[in-house]
Protein backbone atom coordinates (compact mmCIF):
# COMPACT_ATOMS: atom_id res chain seq x y z
CA MET A 1 37.54 8.05 -3.69
CA SER A 2 34.97 10.56 -2.51
CA THR A 3 32.24 9.68 -0.03
CA GLU A 4 29.63 10.06 -2.76
CA LEU A 5 31.39 7.69 -5.16
CA TYR A 6 32.09 5.19 -2.36
CA TRP A 7 28.40 4.99 -1.42
CA LEU A 8 27.34 4.93 -5.07
CA THR A 9 29.63 1.93 -5.56
CA LEU A 10 28.12 0.19 -2.53
CA THR A 11 24.62 0.97 -3.83
CA ILE A 12 25.46 -0.50 -7.24
CA LEU A 13 26.91 -3.62 -5.59
CA MET A 14 23.86 -4.00 -3.35
CA THR A 15 21.50 -3.60 -6.31
CA ALA A 16 23.55 -6.12 -8.28
CA LEU A 17 23.03 -8.68 -5.49
CA PHE A 18 19.26 -8.22 -5.07
CA TRP A 19 18.53 -10.99 -7.57
CA LEU A 20 20.08 -13.71 -5.41
CA PRO A 21 17.19 -14.30 -2.95
CA TYR A 22 14.53 -14.76 -5.60
CA ILE A 23 16.76 -16.96 -7.74
CA LEU A 24 17.35 -19.19 -4.72
CA ASP A 25 13.57 -19.33 -4.28
CA ARG A 26 13.20 -20.27 -7.94
CA LEU A 27 15.73 -23.09 -7.48
CA ALA A 28 13.94 -24.33 -4.36
CA ILE A 29 10.43 -24.16 -5.86
CA ARG A 30 11.12 -25.39 -9.39
CA GLY A 31 14.26 -27.47 -9.03
CA VAL A 32 17.65 -26.82 -10.57
CA VAL A 33 17.06 -27.76 -14.22
CA PRO A 34 13.67 -26.03 -14.64
CA ALA A 35 14.97 -22.93 -12.86
CA LEU A 36 18.08 -22.74 -15.01
CA THR A 37 16.18 -23.28 -18.26
CA ASP A 38 13.44 -20.76 -17.43
CA THR A 39 12.91 -18.15 -20.13
CA GLY A 40 12.30 -15.36 -17.62
CA PRO A 41 9.62 -13.81 -15.41
CA GLU A 42 7.15 -13.72 -18.29
CA SER A 43 7.12 -17.53 -18.37
CA GLY A 44 4.86 -17.43 -15.33
CA GLY A 45 6.63 -20.20 -13.46
CA PRO A 46 5.92 -20.50 -9.75
CA HIS A 47 7.53 -18.24 -7.16
CA SER A 48 6.86 -17.74 -3.48
CA LEU A 49 4.88 -14.57 -2.78
CA TRP A 50 7.89 -13.01 -1.08
CA ALA A 51 10.04 -13.77 -4.14
CA LYS A 52 7.53 -12.04 -6.43
CA ARG A 53 7.81 -8.98 -4.19
CA ALA A 54 11.63 -9.25 -4.23
CA ILE A 55 11.57 -9.18 -8.04
CA LYS A 56 9.47 -6.01 -7.94
CA ALA A 57 11.75 -4.47 -5.31
CA HIS A 58 14.81 -5.28 -7.41
CA THR A 59 13.20 -3.73 -10.49
CA ASN A 60 12.37 -0.61 -8.48
CA ALA A 61 15.95 -0.42 -7.19
CA VAL A 62 17.31 -0.54 -10.75
CA GLU A 63 14.84 2.13 -11.88
CA ASN A 64 15.92 4.43 -9.06
CA LEU A 65 19.61 3.76 -9.64
CA VAL A 66 19.11 5.37 -13.05
CA VAL A 67 18.34 8.65 -11.26
CA PHE A 68 20.75 8.27 -8.34
CA ALA A 69 23.95 7.40 -10.23
CA PRO A 70 23.87 10.37 -12.65
CA ALA A 71 23.05 12.69 -9.74
CA VAL A 72 26.17 11.48 -7.91
CA PHE A 73 28.26 11.85 -11.07
CA LEU A 74 26.98 15.41 -11.51
CA VAL A 75 27.97 16.21 -7.92
CA GLN A 76 31.48 14.94 -8.71
CA ILE A 77 31.83 16.58 -12.12
CA LEU A 78 30.60 19.96 -10.89
CA GLY A 79 32.62 19.76 -7.66
CA VAL A 80 29.64 20.56 -5.43
CA SER A 81 30.26 17.91 -2.78
CA SER A 82 29.00 19.08 0.59
CA PRO A 83 27.80 17.71 3.91
CA VAL A 84 24.34 17.52 2.31
CA THR A 85 25.53 15.34 -0.59
CA ARG A 86 27.69 13.17 1.65
CA SER A 87 24.74 12.57 3.96
CA ALA A 88 22.30 12.05 1.09
CA VAL A 89 24.26 9.18 -0.46
CA ILE A 90 24.48 7.35 2.87
CA VAL A 91 20.78 7.90 3.56
CA TYR A 92 19.95 6.72 0.04
CA PHE A 93 21.90 3.47 0.48
CA PHE A 94 20.14 2.54 3.71
CA ALA A 95 16.74 3.68 2.43
CA ARG A 96 17.10 1.42 -0.61
CA LEU A 97 18.24 -1.50 1.56
CA ALA A 98 15.25 -0.96 3.84
CA HIS A 99 12.95 -0.63 0.82
CA PHE A 100 14.12 -3.96 -0.59
CA LEU A 101 13.68 -5.73 2.74
CA VAL A 102 10.28 -4.32 3.69
CA TYR A 103 8.97 -4.73 0.13
CA THR A 104 10.14 -8.36 0.10
CA PHE A 105 8.59 -9.04 3.52
CA GLY A 106 5.36 -7.28 2.54
CA VAL A 107 5.23 -4.26 4.86
CA PRO A 108 3.48 -1.61 2.72
CA LEU A 109 3.68 1.46 4.98
CA ALA A 110 7.36 0.90 5.75
CA ARG A 111 7.97 0.35 2.03
CA THR A 112 6.42 3.70 1.19
CA ILE A 113 8.40 5.48 3.91
CA ALA A 114 11.69 3.90 2.79
CA PHE A 115 10.95 4.82 -0.83
CA ALA A 116 10.16 8.41 0.14
CA ILE A 117 13.37 8.75 2.16
CA GLY A 118 15.39 7.53 -0.84
CA TRP A 119 13.52 9.92 -3.13
CA PHE A 120 14.26 12.88 -0.83
CA ALA A 121 17.94 11.89 -0.83
CA GLN A 122 17.93 11.98 -4.65
CA ILE A 123 16.21 15.37 -4.61
CA ALA A 124 18.81 16.69 -2.15
CA LEU A 125 21.56 15.68 -4.57
CA LEU A 126 19.84 17.29 -7.53
CA LEU A 127 19.02 20.50 -5.66
CA THR A 128 22.68 20.71 -4.69
CA VAL A 129 23.69 20.23 -8.33
CA LEU A 130 21.36 23.10 -9.23
CA ARG A 131 22.89 25.08 -6.33
CA TRP A 132 19.46 25.64 -4.85
CA ILE A 133 20.66 24.32 -1.48
């Protein structure tokens, strides 16, 4: 497995686990039965403030995965793997982890910086695909 696909897989796994903290909050705040019979976020049931931010961070991670994953696949399909792409996927993973944590803990400036770092990593992948770098 290439470095890019390895880190994409870890990023997918990480994103797939981001729901756990806010579901645990839901269980703690609402109790087991109400939490398990909830119809979804639109029901407006109570959450801790940090859990509301975690939901938004998870949503943002999924939205960005839609850009990141195809970019990695394009790198693989076109055979343009390079030190830039290998670095970009690692940077992206840690930027998204940092983004989730600082968003959840409510640190706006750090959240913006982590988001921007992840965005630049995506752009590096796409510019490599276009053979502009």
